[in-house]
Every structure is written in C-alpha cells, then in structure tokens.
C-alpha atoms as a PDB file:
ATOM      1  CA  MET A   1       0.077  -0.272   0.402  1.00  0.00           C
ATOM      2  CA  ALA A   2       1.266   3.600  -0.410  1.00  0.00           C
ATOM      3  CA  ASP A   3       1.741   5.763   1.659  1.00  0.00           C
ATOM      4  CA  LYS A   4      -0.817   8.279   2.509  1.00  0.00           C
ATOM      5  CA  LYS A   5       0.451  11.622   2.665  1.00  0.00           C
ATOM      6  CA  LEU A   6      -1.680  15.354   2.879  1.00  0.00           C
ATOM      7  CA  ARG A   7      -2.373  16.162  -0.442  1.00  0.00           C
ATOM      8  CA  PRO A   8      -5.016  18.262  -2.816  1.00  0.00           C
ATOM      9  CA  LYS A   9      -8.133  16.411  -3.259  1.00  0.00           C
ATOM     10  CA  TYR A  10     -10.908  18.453  -3.274  1.00  0.00           C
ATOM     11  CA  GLN A  11     -11.857  21.458  -4.908  1.00  0.00           C
ATOM     12  CA  VAL A  12     -13.148  24.379  -2.525  1.00  0.00           C
ATOM     13  CA  GLN A  13     -14.918  27.313  -2.866  1.00  0.00           C
ATOM     14  CA  LYS A  14     -15.738  30.257  -0.382  1.00  0.00           C
ATOM     15  CA  ILE A  15     -19.290  31.317  -0.648  1.00  0.00           C
ATOM     16  CA  VAL A  16     -19.768  34.982  -0.025  1.00  0.00           C
ATOM     17  CA  GLY A  17     -23.318  36.244  -0.253  1.00  0.00           C
ATOM     18  CA  ASP A  18     -25.400  33.703  -2.270  1.00  0.00           C
ATOM     19  CA  LYS A  19     -22.480  33.454  -4.558  1.00  0.00           C
ATOM     20  CA  PRO A  20     -19.436  31.794  -5.369  1.00  0.00           C
ATOM     21  CA  LYS A  21     -16.079  33.907  -4.689  1.00  0.00           C
ATOM     22  CA  GLU A  22     -14.777  34.793  -8.300  1.00  0.00           C
ATOM     23  CA  VAL A  23     -10.994  33.776  -7.117  1.00  0.00           C
ATOM     24  CA  TYR A  24     -12.158  30.576  -6.285  1.00  0.00           C
ATOM     25  CA  GLY A  25     -14.857  30.102  -9.002  1.00  0.00           C
ATOM     26  CA  LEU A  26     -14.481  27.435 -11.281  1.00  0.00           C
ATOM     27  CA  GLU A  27     -12.708  29.771 -14.437  1.00  0.00           C
ATOM     28  CA  GLY A  28      -9.828  31.189 -11.820  1.00  0.00           C
ATOM     29  CA  PRO A  29      -7.527  29.717  -9.722  1.00  0.00           C
ATOM     30  CA  LYS A  30      -8.419  26.704  -7.328  1.00  0.00           C
ATOM     31  CA  MET A  31      -8.538  26.532  -3.569  1.00  0.00           C
ATOM     32  CA  LEU A  32      -6.966  23.114  -3.437  1.00  0.00           C
ATOM     33  CA  SER A  33      -8.075  21.500   0.492  1.00  0.00           C
ATOM     34  CA  THR A  34      -5.155  19.853   2.402  1.00  0.00           C
ATOM     35  CA  ASP A  35      -2.307  22.079  -0.292  1.00  0.00           C
ATOM     36  CA  PRO A  36       0.604  20.650   1.859  1.00  0.00           C
ATOM     37  CA  ASP A  37       2.177  23.884   0.099  1.00  0.00           C
ATOM     38  CA  ASP A  38      -0.407  26.584   1.455  1.00  0.00           C
ATOM     39  CA  ILE A  39      -1.160  26.872   5.009  1.00  0.00           C
ATOM     40  CA  ASN A  40      -3.939  29.093   4.340  1.00  0.00           C
ATOM     41  CA  SER A  41      -5.848  25.984   2.841  1.00  0.00           C
ATOM     42  CA  PRO A  42      -8.872  24.243   3.667  1.00  0.00           C
ATOM     43  CA  PHE A  43      -8.613  20.756   5.119  1.00  0.00           C
ATOM     44  CA  VAL A  44     -11.487  18.836   4.278  1.00  0.00           C
ATOM     45  CA  LEU A  45     -13.237  16.323   7.295  1.00  0.00           C
ATOM     46  CA  MET A  46     -16.422  13.795   6.048  1.00  0.00           C
ATOM     47  CA  PRO A  47     -17.404  12.167   8.890  1.00  0.00           C
ATOM     48  CA  HIS A  48     -19.976  10.321   7.328  1.00  0.00           C
ATOM     49  CA  LYS A  49     -17.439   8.474   5.474  1.00  0.00           C
ATOM     50  CA  ASP A  50     -14.864   8.557   8.172  1.00  0.00           C
ATOM     51  CA  PRO A  51     -15.241   7.765  12.148  1.00  0.00           C
ATOM     52  CA  ALA A  52     -11.674   9.753  12.763  1.00  0.00           C
ATOM     53  CA  ALA A  53     -13.092  13.005  10.937  1.00  0.00           C
ATOM     54  CA  PHE A  54     -16.457  11.930  13.147  1.00  0.00           C
ATOM     55  CA  LEU A  55     -14.449  12.264  16.697  1.00  0.00           C
ATOM     56  CA  ALA A  56     -12.185  15.252  15.015  1.00  0.00           C
ATOM     57  CA  MET A  57     -15.670  17.630  14.647  1.00  0.00           C
ATOM     58  CA  ILE A  58     -16.807  16.396  18.397  1.00  0.00           C
ATOM     59  CA  MET A  59     -13.896  17.799  19.753  1.00  0.00           C
ATOM     60  CA  TYR A  60     -13.911  21.113  17.369  1.00  0.00           C
ATOM     61  CA  ALA A  61     -17.639  21.623  18.746  1.00  0.00           C
ATOM     62  CA  ARG A  62     -16.459  21.118  22.312  1.00  0.00           C
ATOM     63  CA  HIS A  63     -14.052  23.876  21.489  1.00  0.00           C
ATOM     64  CA  CYS A  64     -15.635  26.658  19.858  1.00  0.00           C
ATOM     65  CA  GLU A  65     -18.664  28.897  20.247  1.00  0.00           C
ATOM     66  CA  LYS A  66     -22.031  28.083  21.257  1.00  0.00           C
ATOM     67  CA  ASP A  67     -23.873  28.463  18.286  1.00  0.00           C
ATOM     68  CA  LEU A  68     -21.561  26.887  16.119  1.00  0.00           C
ATOM     69  CA  ALA A  69     -20.816  23.675  18.613  1.00  0.00           C
ATOM     70  CA  LYS A  70     -25.212  23.921  18.742  1.00  0.00           C
ATOM     71  CA  GLU A  71     -25.318  23.192  14.380  1.00  0.00           C
ATOM     72  CA  ILE A  72     -22.344  21.013  14.652  1.00  0.00           C
ATOM     73  CA  LYS A  73     -24.296  18.561  16.987  1.00  0.00           C
ATOM     74  CA  GLU A  74     -27.221  18.857  15.163  1.00  0.00           C
ATOM     75  CA  TRP A  75     -25.627  17.714  11.910  1.00  0.00           C
ATOM     76  CA  LEU A  76     -23.196  14.725  13.748  1.00  0.00           C
ATOM     77  CA  THR A  77     -26.656  13.746  15.618  1.00  0.00           C
ATOM     78  CA  LYS A  78     -27.917  12.879  11.717  1.00  0.00           C
ATOM     79  CA  VAL A  79     -24.479  11.521  10.284  1.00  0.00           C
ATOM     80  CA  ALA A  80     -25.073   9.448  13.425  1.00  0.00           C
ATOM     81  CA  GLU A  81     -28.209   8.146  12.979  1.00  0.00           C
ATOM     82  CA  ALA A  82     -27.533   7.159   9.235  1.00  0.00           C
ATOM     83  CA  PRO A  83     -26.185   4.121   7.682  1.00  0.00           C
ATOM     84  CA  PRO A  84     -22.067   4.490   7.609  1.00  0.00           C
ATOM     85  CA  ALA A  85     -20.529   4.861   4.016  1.00  0.00           C
ATOM     86  CA  TYR A  86     -16.908   4.441   4.918  1.00  0.00           C
ATOM     87  CA  GLY A  87     -14.180   5.634   2.304  1.00  0.00           C
ATOM     88  CA  THR A  88     -10.879   4.005   1.863  1.00  0.00           C
ATOM     89  CA  GLN A  89      -9.732   6.229   4.426  1.00  0.00           C
ATOM     90  CA  GLY A  90     -12.251   5.630   6.757  1.00  0.00           C
ATOM     91  CA  GLU A  91     -12.395   2.050   6.746  1.00  0.00           C
ATOM     92  CA  ARG A  92      -8.508   2.050   7.578  1.00  0.00           C
ATOM     93  CA  ASN A  93      -9.178   4.310  10.533  1.00  0.00           C
ATOM     94  CA  ARG A  94     -12.064   2.664  11.155  1.00  0.00           C
ATOM     95  CA  ARG A  95     -10.163  -0.531  11.794  1.00  0.00           C
ATOM     96  CA  TYR A  96      -7.186   1.290  13.771  1.00  0.00           C
ATOM     97  CA  LEU A  97      -9.548   2.977  16.082  1.00  0.00           C
ATOM     98  CA  ARG A  98     -11.403  -0.582  16.679  1.00  0.00           C
ATOM     99  CA  LEU A  99      -8.083  -2.025  17.032  1.00  0.00           C
ATOM    100  CA  ARG A 100      -6.708   0.648  19.591  1.00  0.00           C
ATOM    101  CA  SER A 101      -9.352   0.393  21.582  1.00  0.00           C
ATOM    102  CA  VAL A 102      -9.446  -3.006  22.243  1.00  0.00           C
ATOM    103  CA  GLY A 103      -5.269  -2.282  23.619  1.00  0.00           C
ATOM    104  CA  ASP A 104      -6.928   0.152  25.671  1.00  0.00           C
ATOM    105  CA  ILE A 105      -8.652  -3.040  27.589  1.00  0.00           C
ATOM    106  CA  LEU A 106      -6.122  -2.939  30.932  1.00  0.00           C
ATOM    107  CA  LEU A 107      -5.665  -6.785  32.024  1.00  0.00           C
END
C-alpha cells in the first residue's frame, strides 16, 4: 500500500453572500483542500465516511463558540443516525480505532 500523505484532494469554493467568490470559482485559480504548500488551505473532513473525522468534529465542537457547537451537534446527530458509508481512508481509520480501543483494555 502506498504511503498516504496530505495532498490536495478536493476543490473548494468560498461562498460570499449567495455566490461563490470569483477568485475561487471554476474560471479562476482553484482553492485546493490540504495543499501542503499553502498554510491557508482548508482541510476537508467527511464524518459520514470516516470515524476519525467524526471524532475530530466532536473535539472541534467542544472547543468552539456555543452557536456553532450547537449546529455541529445537530449535524453530527444526523450523521450518527445514518448508515455508515466508509470511504477507503475511513475504513482504514475504522479498523485502526477498533484495534486501538481493544489495546486500551487494561488487564
């Protein structure tokens, strides 16, 4: 299996008002997620496809302001109630989290 590294995987548009900001539109330069050469690039989390992303979003919600935390909690509740749809990274993370949890059992 090839080493997994942070790399641009998604194209992201910033919404300003009701229209995508032109600089990030399809006609102009693209904003790539997780561009290791750009510290301002976004990092895309998909909690429905990756249990590690789900846990990361919980941690984020615990440490942000109340109104945003409420919206994230409502969204994650819907994600938690939906059937799982693991992506390839999500499946690897699911196995890792389960194995790590078993390893946490103190005998």
